[in-house]
Amino acid sequence: MTVRIRVIPCLDVAEGRVVKGVNFVDLKDAGDPVEQARAYDDPLYGPDARQDLRGTLSASLLFVDFDTYGFAPKLTLEATQTNSNITRF
């Protein structure tokens, strides 16, 4: 059984306009409800919206000639790149 997390957007509307505020105090106009709803129709809010591809390249160098008490220094270089289908982040 898999549990799927869903984001369900909710727009607060007062007098036919979308508003922003905390506990409906000091409300500020946030625009037209239709335009705001279209913004939520973006694939960003879909169930399989974000897909990241990560590539990592790693190289390690062990210095056995500098062995001290059974421990040898190790140098590791790593490069990582992440590609996402969402360009907003």
C-alpha atoms as a PDB file:
ATOM      1  CA  MET A   1       0.000   0.000   0.000  1.00  0.00           C
ATOM      2  CA  THR A   2       1.380   3.390  -0.946  1.00  0.00           C
ATOM      3  CA  VAL A   3       0.420   6.644   0.684  1.00  0.00           C
ATOM      4  CA  ARG A   4       0.127   9.553  -1.712  1.00  0.00           C
ATOM      5  CA  ILE A   5       0.344  13.105  -0.451  1.00  0.00           C
ATOM      6  CA  ARG A   6      -1.960  15.540  -2.220  1.00  0.00           C
ATOM      7  CA  VAL A   7      -1.881  19.316  -2.121  1.00  0.00           C
ATOM      8  CA  ILE A   8      -5.396  20.716  -2.184  1.00  0.00           C
ATOM      9  CA  PRO A   9      -5.266  24.460  -2.779  1.00  0.00           C
ATOM     10  CA  CYS A  10      -7.790  26.653  -1.028  1.00  0.00           C
ATOM     11  CA  LEU A  11      -8.509  30.248  -2.013  1.00  0.00           C
ATOM     12  CA  ASP A  12      -9.970  32.631   0.560  1.00  0.00           C
ATOM     13  CA  VAL A  13     -12.608  34.810  -1.086  1.00  0.00           C
ATOM     14  CA  ALA A  14     -14.241  37.906   0.354  1.00  0.00           C
ATOM     15  CA  GLU A  15     -16.644  40.108  -1.615  1.00  0.00           C
ATOM     16  CA  GLY A  16     -15.864  38.249  -4.849  1.00  0.00           C
ATOM     17  CA  ARG A  17     -12.073  38.772  -4.642  1.00  0.00           C
ATOM     18  CA  VAL A  18      -9.263  36.505  -3.467  1.00  0.00           C
ATOM     19  CA  VAL A  19      -7.800  37.823  -0.229  1.00  0.00           C
ATOM     20  CA  LYS A  20      -4.710  37.111   1.862  1.00  0.00           C
ATOM     21  CA  GLY A  21      -4.505  37.526   5.608  1.00  0.00           C
ATOM     22  CA  VAL A  22      -4.165  35.706   8.892  1.00  0.00           C
ATOM     23  CA  ASN A  23      -7.391  34.497  10.520  1.00  0.00           C
ATOM     24  CA  PHE A  24      -9.326  36.835   8.178  1.00  0.00           C
ATOM     25  CA  VAL A  25      -7.780  39.889   9.889  1.00  0.00           C
ATOM     26  CA  ASP A  26      -6.114  42.695   7.904  1.00  0.00           C
ATOM     27  CA  LEU A  27      -7.180  41.187   4.576  1.00  0.00           C
ATOM     28  CA  LYS A  28      -5.360  42.302   1.466  1.00  0.00           C
ATOM     29  CA  ASP A  29      -6.641  41.895  -2.076  1.00  0.00           C
ATOM     30  CA  ALA A  30      -4.802  39.124  -3.964  1.00  0.00           C
ATOM     31  CA  GLY A  31      -6.581  39.275  -7.308  1.00  0.00           C
ATOM     32  CA  ASP A  32      -9.333  37.759  -9.381  1.00  0.00           C
ATOM     33  CA  PRO A  33     -10.489  34.254  -8.324  1.00  0.00           C
ATOM     34  CA  VAL A  34     -10.467  32.964 -11.917  1.00  0.00           C
ATOM     35  CA  GLU A  35      -6.879  34.088 -12.518  1.00  0.00           C
ATOM     36  CA  GLN A  36      -5.752  32.644  -9.195  1.00  0.00           C
ATOM     37  CA  ALA A  37      -7.477  29.319  -9.954  1.00  0.00           C
ATOM     38  CA  ARG A  38      -5.711  29.157 -13.330  1.00  0.00           C
ATOM     39  CA  ALA A  39      -2.400  29.562 -11.533  1.00  0.00           C
ATOM     40  CA  TYR A  40      -3.225  26.451  -9.469  1.00  0.00           C
ATOM     41  CA  ASP A  41      -3.916  24.518 -12.675  1.00  0.00           C
ATOM     42  CA  ASP A  42      -0.160  24.457 -13.195  1.00  0.00           C
ATOM     43  CA  PRO A  43       1.437  20.974 -13.313  1.00  0.00           C
ATOM     44  CA  LEU A  44       3.483  22.039 -10.285  1.00  0.00           C
ATOM     45  CA  TYR A  45       0.484  21.093  -8.131  1.00  0.00           C
ATOM     46  CA  GLY A  46      -0.238  17.754  -9.817  1.00  0.00           C
ATOM     47  CA  PRO A  47       0.396  14.384  -8.138  1.00  0.00           C
ATOM     48  CA  ASP A  48       3.463  13.593 -10.275  1.00  0.00           C
ATOM     49  CA  ALA A  49       4.570  17.142 -10.850  1.00  0.00           C
ATOM     50  CA  ARG A  50       8.201  17.417  -9.878  1.00  0.00           C
ATOM     51  CA  GLN A  51      10.829  15.070 -11.241  1.00  0.00           C
ATOM     52  CA  ASP A  52      14.466  15.536 -10.314  1.00  0.00           C
ATOM     53  CA  LEU A  53      17.395  13.797 -11.931  1.00  0.00           C
ATOM     54  CA  ARG A  54      20.605  13.874  -9.946  1.00  0.00           C
ATOM     55  CA  GLY A  55      24.016  12.896 -11.262  1.00  0.00           C
ATOM     56  CA  THR A  56      27.036  12.515  -9.008  1.00  0.00           C
ATOM     57  CA  LEU A  57      30.662  12.014  -9.935  1.00  0.00           C
ATOM     58  CA  SER A  58      33.037  11.058  -7.152  1.00  0.00           C
ATOM     59  CA  ALA A  59      36.766  10.318  -7.050  1.00  0.00           C
ATOM     60  CA  SER A  60      38.772   9.229  -4.015  1.00  0.00           C
ATOM     61  CA  LEU A  61      42.517   9.110  -3.500  1.00  0.00           C
ATOM     62  CA  LEU A  62      43.967   7.104  -0.603  1.00  0.00           C
ATOM     63  CA  PHE A  63      47.462   8.072   0.602  1.00  0.00           C
ATOM     64  CA  VAL A  64      48.822   4.750   1.897  1.00  0.00           C
ATOM     65  CA  ASP A  65      52.408   6.069   2.027  1.00  0.00           C
ATOM     66  CA  PHE A  66      51.395   8.467   4.832  1.00  0.00           C
ATOM     67  CA  ASP A  67      49.939   5.731   7.026  1.00  0.00           C
ATOM     68  CA  THR A  68      49.895   6.741  10.711  1.00  0.00           C
ATOM     69  CA  TYR A  69      48.718   4.343  13.442  1.00  0.00           C
ATOM     70  CA  GLY A  70      46.812   2.319  10.863  1.00  0.00           C
ATOM     71  CA  PHE A  71      44.991   5.343   9.450  1.00  0.00           C
ATOM     72  CA  ALA A  72      45.706   6.717   5.998  1.00  0.00           C
ATOM     73  CA  PRO A  73      44.464  10.091   4.759  1.00  0.00           C
ATOM     74  CA  LYS A  74      41.887  10.035   2.004  1.00  0.00           C
ATOM     75  CA  LEU A  75      41.008  12.854  -0.393  1.00  0.00           C
ATOM     76  CA  THR A  76      37.567  12.765  -2.000  1.00  0.00           C
ATOM     77  CA  LEU A  77      36.344  15.087  -4.748  1.00  0.00           C
ATOM     78  CA  GLU A  78      32.673  15.075  -5.607  1.00  0.00           C
ATOM     79  CA  ALA A  79      30.534  16.975  -8.112  1.00  0.00           C
ATOM     80  CA  THR A  80      26.746  16.828  -8.182  1.00  0.00           C
ATOM     81  CA  GLN A  81      24.249  18.237 -10.674  1.00  0.00           C
ATOM     82  CA  THR A  82      20.477  18.180 -10.340  1.00  0.00           C
ATOM     83  CA  ASN A  83      18.091  18.689 -13.245  1.00  0.00           C
ATOM     84  CA  SER A  84      14.430  19.323 -12.550  1.00  0.00           C
ATOM     85  CA  ASN A  85      11.396  19.647 -14.786  1.00  0.00           C
ATOM     86  CA  ILE A  86      10.287  22.599 -12.619  1.00  0.00           C
ATOM     87  CA  THR A  87      12.222  25.787 -13.334  1.00  0.00           C
ATOM     88  CA  ARG A  88      10.837  27.833 -10.455  1.00  0.00           C
ATOM     89  CA  PHE A  89      13.224  26.466  -7.852  1.00  0.00           C
END
